[in-house]
PDB file of N, CA and C in Angstrom:
ATOM      1  N   MET A   1     -30.308  37.098  -7.394  1.00  0.00           N
ATOM      2  CA  MET A   1     -29.211  36.545  -6.903  1.00  0.00           C
ATOM      3  C   MET A   1     -29.281  36.681  -5.361  1.00  0.00           C
ATOM      4  N   LEU A   2     -28.880  35.433  -4.751  1.00  0.00           N
ATOM      5  CA  LEU A   2     -29.101  35.319  -3.147  1.00  0.00           C
ATOM      6  C   LEU A   2     -27.930  35.610  -2.176  1.00  0.00           C
ATOM      7  N   LYS A   3     -26.775  35.169  -2.959  1.00  0.00           N
ATOM      8  CA  LYS A   3     -25.653  35.247  -1.949  1.00  0.00           C
ATOM      9  C   LYS A   3     -24.251  35.115  -2.927  1.00  0.00           C
ATOM     10  N   VAL A   4     -23.358  35.924  -2.521  1.00  0.00           N
ATOM     11  CA  VAL A   4     -22.231  35.859  -3.191  1.00  0.00           C
ATOM     12  C   VAL A   4     -21.078  35.738  -2.008  1.00  0.00           C
ATOM     13  N   ALA A   5     -20.169  34.806  -2.436  1.00  0.00           N
ATOM     14  CA  ALA A   5     -18.994  34.464  -1.533  1.00  0.00           C
ATOM     15  C   ALA A   5     -17.569  35.129  -2.329  1.00  0.00           C
ATOM     16  N   LEU A   6     -16.803  35.988  -1.924  1.00  0.00           N
ATOM     17  CA  LEU A   6     -15.596  36.521  -2.335  1.00  0.00           C
ATOM     18  C   LEU A   6     -14.271  35.757  -1.602  1.00  0.00           C
ATOM     19  N   PHE A   7     -13.657  35.280  -2.444  1.00  0.00           N
ATOM     20  CA  PHE A   7     -12.173  34.696  -2.010  1.00  0.00           C
ATOM     21  C   PHE A   7     -11.144  35.609  -2.517  1.00  0.00           C
ATOM     22  N   VAL A   8     -10.525  36.128  -1.654  1.00  0.00           N
ATOM     23  CA  VAL A   8      -9.233  36.974  -2.139  1.00  0.00           C
ATOM     24  C   VAL A   8      -7.865  36.440  -1.546  1.00  0.00           C
ATOM     25  N   THR A   9      -6.834  36.517  -2.326  1.00  0.00           N
ATOM     26  CA  THR A   9      -5.433  36.111  -1.975  1.00  0.00           C
ATOM     27  C   THR A   9      -4.744  37.188  -1.059  1.00  0.00           C
ATOM     28  N   ASP A  10      -5.362  38.421  -1.221  1.00  0.00           N
ATOM     29  CA  ASP A  10      -4.807  39.578  -0.391  1.00  0.00           C
ATOM     30  C   ASP A  10      -5.626  40.403  -0.099  1.00  0.00           C
ATOM     31  N   MET A  11      -6.053  40.828   1.096  1.00  0.00           N
ATOM     32  CA  MET A  11      -7.076  41.830   1.370  1.00  0.00           C
ATOM     33  C   MET A  11      -7.056  43.058   0.908  1.00  0.00           C
ATOM     34  N   ALA A  12      -5.746  43.358   0.468  1.00  0.00           N
ATOM     35  CA  ALA A  12      -5.545  44.595  -0.317  1.00  0.00           C
ATOM     36  C   ALA A  12      -6.363  44.897  -1.504  1.00  0.00           C
ATOM     37  N   CYS A  13      -6.757  43.724  -2.151  1.00  0.00           N
ATOM     38  CA  CYS A  13      -7.728  43.649  -3.267  1.00  0.00           C
ATOM     39  C   CYS A  13      -9.181  44.040  -3.159  1.00  0.00           C
ATOM     40  N   PHE A  14      -9.432  44.204  -1.736  1.00  0.00           N
ATOM     41  CA  PHE A  14     -10.794  44.365  -1.393  1.00  0.00           C
ATOM     42  C   PHE A  14     -11.475  45.653  -2.125  1.00  0.00           C
ATOM     43  N   PRO A  15     -10.869  46.702  -2.100  1.00  0.00           N
ATOM     44  CA  PRO A  15     -11.537  47.937  -2.901  1.00  0.00           C
ATOM     45  C   PRO A  15     -11.616  47.642  -4.383  1.00  0.00           C
ATOM     46  N   ASP A  16     -10.891  46.895  -4.938  1.00  0.00           N
ATOM     47  CA  ASP A  16     -11.234  46.368  -6.352  1.00  0.00           C
ATOM     48  C   ASP A  16     -12.343  45.465  -6.487  1.00  0.00           C
ATOM     49  N   VAL A  17     -12.468  44.571  -5.431  1.00  0.00           N
ATOM     50  CA  VAL A  17     -13.541  43.604  -5.514  1.00  0.00           C
ATOM     51  C   VAL A  17     -14.885  44.275  -5.369  1.00  0.00           C
ATOM     52  N   VAL A  18     -14.902  45.257  -4.350  1.00  0.00           N
ATOM     53  CA  VAL A  18     -16.121  46.148  -4.183  1.00  0.00           C
ATOM     54  C   VAL A  18     -16.413  47.126  -5.420  1.00  0.00           C
ATOM     55  N   ALA A  19     -15.520  47.532  -6.023  1.00  0.00           N
ATOM     56  CA  ALA A  19     -15.802  48.314  -7.279  1.00  0.00           C
ATOM     57  C   ALA A  19     -16.396  47.502  -8.307  1.00  0.00           C
ATOM     58  N   LEU A  20     -15.893  46.018  -8.536  1.00  0.00           N
ATOM     59  CA  LEU A  20     -16.331  45.357  -9.518  1.00  0.00           C
ATOM     60  C   LEU A  20     -17.979  44.824  -8.964  1.00  0.00           C
ATOM     61  N   ARG A  21     -18.007  44.567  -7.823  1.00  0.00           N
ATOM     62  CA  ARG A  21     -19.439  44.305  -7.223  1.00  0.00           C
ATOM     63  C   ARG A  21     -20.412  45.378  -7.649  1.00  0.00           C
ATOM     64  N   LYS A  22     -20.027  46.422  -7.547  1.00  0.00           N
ATOM     65  CA  LYS A  22     -20.897  47.639  -7.684  1.00  0.00           C
ATOM     66  C   LYS A  22     -21.168  47.686  -9.185  1.00  0.00           C
ATOM     67  N   ARG A  23     -20.097  47.378 -10.095  1.00  0.00           N
ATOM     68  CA  ARG A  23     -20.179  47.533 -11.408  1.00  0.00           C
ATOM     69  C   ARG A  23     -21.319  46.181 -12.051  1.00  0.00           C
ATOM     70  N   PHE A  24     -21.239  45.116 -11.393  1.00  0.00           N
ATOM     71  CA  PHE A  24     -21.998  43.817 -12.008  1.00  0.00           C
ATOM     72  C   PHE A  24     -23.386  43.649 -11.241  1.00  0.00           C
ATOM     73  N   PHE A  25     -23.492  44.141 -10.031  1.00  0.00           N
ATOM     74  CA  PHE A  25     -24.815  44.116  -9.279  1.00  0.00           C
ATOM     75  C   PHE A  25     -25.325  45.430  -8.954  1.00  0.00           C
ATOM     76  N   ARG A  26     -26.619  45.426  -8.693  1.00  0.00           N
ATOM     77  CA  ARG A  26     -27.382  46.655  -8.567  1.00  0.00           C
ATOM     78  C   ARG A  26     -28.171  46.452  -7.251  1.00  0.00           C
ATOM     79  N   PRO A  27     -28.402  47.605  -6.383  1.00  0.00           N
ATOM     80  CA  PRO A  27     -29.100  47.320  -5.304  1.00  0.00           C
ATOM     81  C   PRO A  27     -30.556  46.890  -5.401  1.00  0.00           C
ATOM     82  N   PRO A  28     -31.051  46.139  -4.594  1.00  0.00           N
ATOM     83  CA  PRO A  28     -30.401  45.659  -3.310  1.00  0.00           C
ATOM     84  C   PRO A  28     -29.350  44.554  -3.570  1.00  0.00           C
ATOM     85  N   TYR A  29     -28.086  44.874  -3.106  1.00  0.00           N
ATOM     86  CA  TYR A  29     -27.024  43.867  -3.352  1.00  0.00           C
ATOM     87  C   TYR A  29     -27.285  42.615  -2.596  1.00  0.00           C
ATOM     88  N   PRO A  30     -26.767  41.580  -3.328  1.00  0.00           N
ATOM     89  CA  PRO A  30     -26.955  40.505  -2.699  1.00  0.00           C
ATOM     90  C   PRO A  30     -26.169  40.301  -1.354  1.00  0.00           C
ATOM     91  N   ALA A  31     -26.560  39.351  -0.358  1.00  0.00           N
ATOM     92  CA  ALA A  31     -25.814  39.110   0.874  1.00  0.00           C
ATOM     93  C   ALA A  31     -24.323  38.661   0.246  1.00  0.00           C
ATOM     94  N   ASP A  32     -23.349  38.875   1.190  1.00  0.00           N
ATOM     95  CA  ASP A  32     -22.091  38.372   0.653  1.00  0.00           C
ATOM     96  C   ASP A  32     -21.176  38.125   1.816  1.00  0.00           C
ATOM     97  N   SER A  33     -20.008  37.478   1.561  1.00  0.00           N
ATOM     98  CA  SER A  33     -18.925  37.207   2.717  1.00  0.00           C
ATOM     99  C   SER A  33     -17.708  37.338   1.739  1.00  0.00           C
ATOM    100  N   ILE A  34     -16.608  37.592   2.568  1.00  0.00           N
ATOM    101  CA  ILE A  34     -15.185  37.926   2.109  1.00  0.00           C
ATOM    102  C   ILE A  34     -14.408  37.035   2.847  1.00  0.00           C
ATOM    103  N   VAL A  35     -13.467  36.214   2.137  1.00  0.00           N
ATOM    104  CA  VAL A  35     -12.464  35.552   2.950  1.00  0.00           C
ATOM    105  C   VAL A  35     -11.122  35.625   2.292  1.00  0.00           C
ATOM    106  N   GLN A  36     -10.033  35.630   3.167  1.00  0.00           N
ATOM    107  CA  GLN A  36      -8.813  35.874   2.497  1.00  0.00           C
ATOM    108  C   GLN A  36      -8.279  34.304   2.514  1.00  0.00           C
ATOM    109  N   VAL A  37      -7.805  33.933   1.334  1.00  0.00           N
ATOM    110  CA  VAL A  37      -7.316  32.637   1.370  1.00  0.00           C
ATOM    111  C   VAL A  37      -5.781  32.599   0.951  1.00  0.00           C
ATOM    112  N   SER A  38      -5.115  31.579   1.137  1.00  0.00           N
ATOM    113  CA  SER A  38      -3.460  31.568   0.861  1.00  0.00           C
ATOM    114  C   SER A  38      -3.385  31.429  -0.754  1.00  0.00           C
ATOM    115  N   ALA A  39      -4.279  30.518  -1.470  1.00  0.00           N
ATOM    116  CA  ALA A  39      -4.298  30.346  -2.842  1.00  0.00           C
ATOM    117  C   ALA A  39      -5.505  29.970  -3.461  1.00  0.00           C
ATOM    118  N   LEU A  40      -5.763  30.162  -4.782  1.00  0.00           N
ATOM    119  CA  LEU A  40      -6.986  29.779  -5.503  1.00  0.00           C
ATOM    120  C   LEU A  40      -6.645  28.641  -6.561  1.00  0.00           C
ATOM    121  N   ALA A  41      -7.548  28.258  -7.206  1.00  0.00           N
ATOM    122  CA  ALA A  41      -7.461  27.010  -8.086  1.00  0.00           C
ATOM    123  C   ALA A  41      -6.480  27.195  -9.082  1.00  0.00           C
ATOM    124  N   LEU A  42      -6.103  28.284  -9.669  1.00  0.00           N
ATOM    125  CA  LEU A  42      -5.330  28.608 -10.756  1.00  0.00           C
ATOM    126  C   LEU A  42      -4.288  29.611 -10.277  1.00  0.00           C
ATOM    127  N   PRO A  43      -2.996  29.283 -10.547  1.00  0.00           N
ATOM    128  CA  PRO A  43      -1.921  30.254 -10.067  1.00  0.00           C
ATOM    129  C   PRO A  43      -2.040  31.637 -10.832  1.00  0.00           C
ATOM    130  N   GLY A  44      -1.750  32.623  -9.984  1.00  0.00           N
ATOM    131  CA  GLY A  44      -2.052  34.029 -10.528  1.00  0.00           C
ATOM    132  C   GLY A  44      -3.273  34.471 -10.286  1.00  0.00           C
ATOM    133  N   LEU A  45      -4.490  33.712  -9.906  1.00  0.00           N
ATOM    134  CA  LEU A  45      -5.610  34.466  -9.640  1.00  0.00           C
ATOM    135  C   LEU A  45      -5.592  35.183  -8.270  1.00  0.00           C
ATOM    136  N   LEU A  46      -6.158  36.425  -8.366  1.00  0.00           N
ATOM    137  CA  LEU A  46      -6.224  37.320  -7.067  1.00  0.00           C
ATOM    138  C   LEU A  46      -7.451  37.216  -6.399  1.00  0.00           C
ATOM    139  N   PHE A  47      -8.619  36.813  -7.102  1.00  0.00           N
ATOM    140  CA  PHE A  47      -9.910  36.595  -6.197  1.00  0.00           C
ATOM    141  C   PHE A  47     -10.658  35.672  -7.046  1.00  0.00           C
ATOM    142  N   GLU A  48     -11.710  35.225  -6.505  1.00  0.00           N
ATOM    143  CA  GLU A  48     -12.660  34.242  -7.140  1.00  0.00           C
ATOM    144  C   GLU A  48     -14.064  34.532  -6.456  1.00  0.00           C
ATOM    145  N   ILE A  49     -15.141  34.527  -7.247  1.00  0.00           N
ATOM    146  CA  ILE A  49     -16.480  34.676  -6.809  1.00  0.00           C
ATOM    147  C   ILE A  49     -17.443  33.537  -6.928  1.00  0.00           C
ATOM    148  N   GLU A  50     -17.945  33.144  -5.869  1.00  0.00           N
ATOM    149  CA  GLU A  50     -18.977  32.115  -6.057  1.00  0.00           C
ATOM    150  C   GLU A  50     -20.328  32.752  -5.639  1.00  0.00           C
ATOM    151  N   ALA A  51     -21.390  32.520  -6.672  1.00  0.00           N
ATOM    152  CA  ALA A  51     -22.463  33.178  -6.689  1.00  0.00           C
ATOM    153  C   ALA A  51     -23.737  31.885  -6.558  1.00  0.00           C
ATOM    154  N   ILE A  52     -24.707  32.215  -5.692  1.00  0.00           N
ATOM    155  CA  ILE A  52     -25.888  31.253  -5.442  1.00  0.00           C
ATOM    156  C   ILE A  52     -27.060  32.101  -5.869  1.00  0.00           C
ATOM    157  N   ALA A  53     -27.803  31.581  -6.898  1.00  0.00           N
ATOM    158  CA  ALA A  53     -28.902  32.435  -7.259  1.00  0.00           C
ATOM    159  C   ALA A  53     -30.228  31.419  -7.509  1.00  0.00           C
ATOM    160  N   ALA A  54     -31.329  32.029  -7.481  1.00  0.00           N
ATOM    161  CA  ALA A  54     -32.767  31.297  -7.639  1.00  0.00           C
ATOM    162  C   ALA A  54     -33.221  31.983  -8.911  1.00  0.00           C
ATOM    163  N   ARG A  55     -33.896  31.194  -9.716  1.00  0.00           N
ATOM    164  CA  ARG A  55     -34.658  31.613 -10.833  1.00  0.00           C
ATOM    165  C   ARG A  55     -36.017  31.777 -10.523  1.00  0.00           C
ATOM    166  N   PRO A  56     -36.922  32.888 -10.602  1.00  0.00           N
ATOM    167  CA  PRO A  56     -38.157  32.828 -10.262  1.00  0.00           C
ATOM    168  C   PRO A  56     -38.933  32.018 -10.915  1.00  0.00           C
ATOM    169  N   ARG A  57     -39.915  31.222 -10.327  1.00  0.00           N
ATOM    170  CA  ARG A  57     -40.818  30.275 -10.958  1.00  0.00           C
ATOM    171  C   ARG A  57     -41.911  31.035 -11.990  1.00  0.00           C
ATOM    172  N   GLN A  58     -42.037  30.356 -13.140  1.00  0.00           N
ATOM    173  CA  GLN A  58     -42.990  30.762 -14.043  1.00  0.00           C
ATOM    174  C   GLN A  58     -44.427  30.516 -13.339  1.00  0.00           C
ATOM    175  N   ALA A  59     -45.537  31.412 -13.692  1.00  0.00           N
ATOM    176  CA  ALA A  59     -46.635  30.982 -13.124  1.00  0.00           C
ATOM    177  C   ALA A  59     -47.274  29.702 -13.983  1.00  0.00           C
ATOM    178  N   ASP A  60     -47.954  28.885 -13.246  1.00  0.00           N
ATOM    179  CA  ASP A  60     -48.389  27.644 -13.799  1.00  0.00           C
ATOM    180  C   ASP A  60     -49.426  28.010 -14.897  1.00  0.00           C
ATOM    181  N   ARG A  61     -49.167  27.073 -16.072  1.00  0.00           N
ATOM    182  CA  ARG A  61     -50.187  27.437 -17.062  1.00  0.00           C
ATOM    183  C   ARG A  61     -51.344  26.256 -17.225  1.00  0.00           C
TER     184      ARG A  61
END
C-alpha cells in the first residue's frame, strides 16, 4: 500500500477512522491524508477511504 486518502463528513469521526486504520493496516502504515467534506457519494456515509497500491513485480522467468 502506498497511500490512503480519508474523506470524512465530520472530523469528530477521526478517532474511529484511526482505529479502523490500525485494524486493517500494519506498520509501516501507508502515507495518508484526511479531508473533511460536506458530503460523500451516498447519503448517510460518514467517511470514505481511497487507497493507492502497487503490486510487486514477479521475477522474470
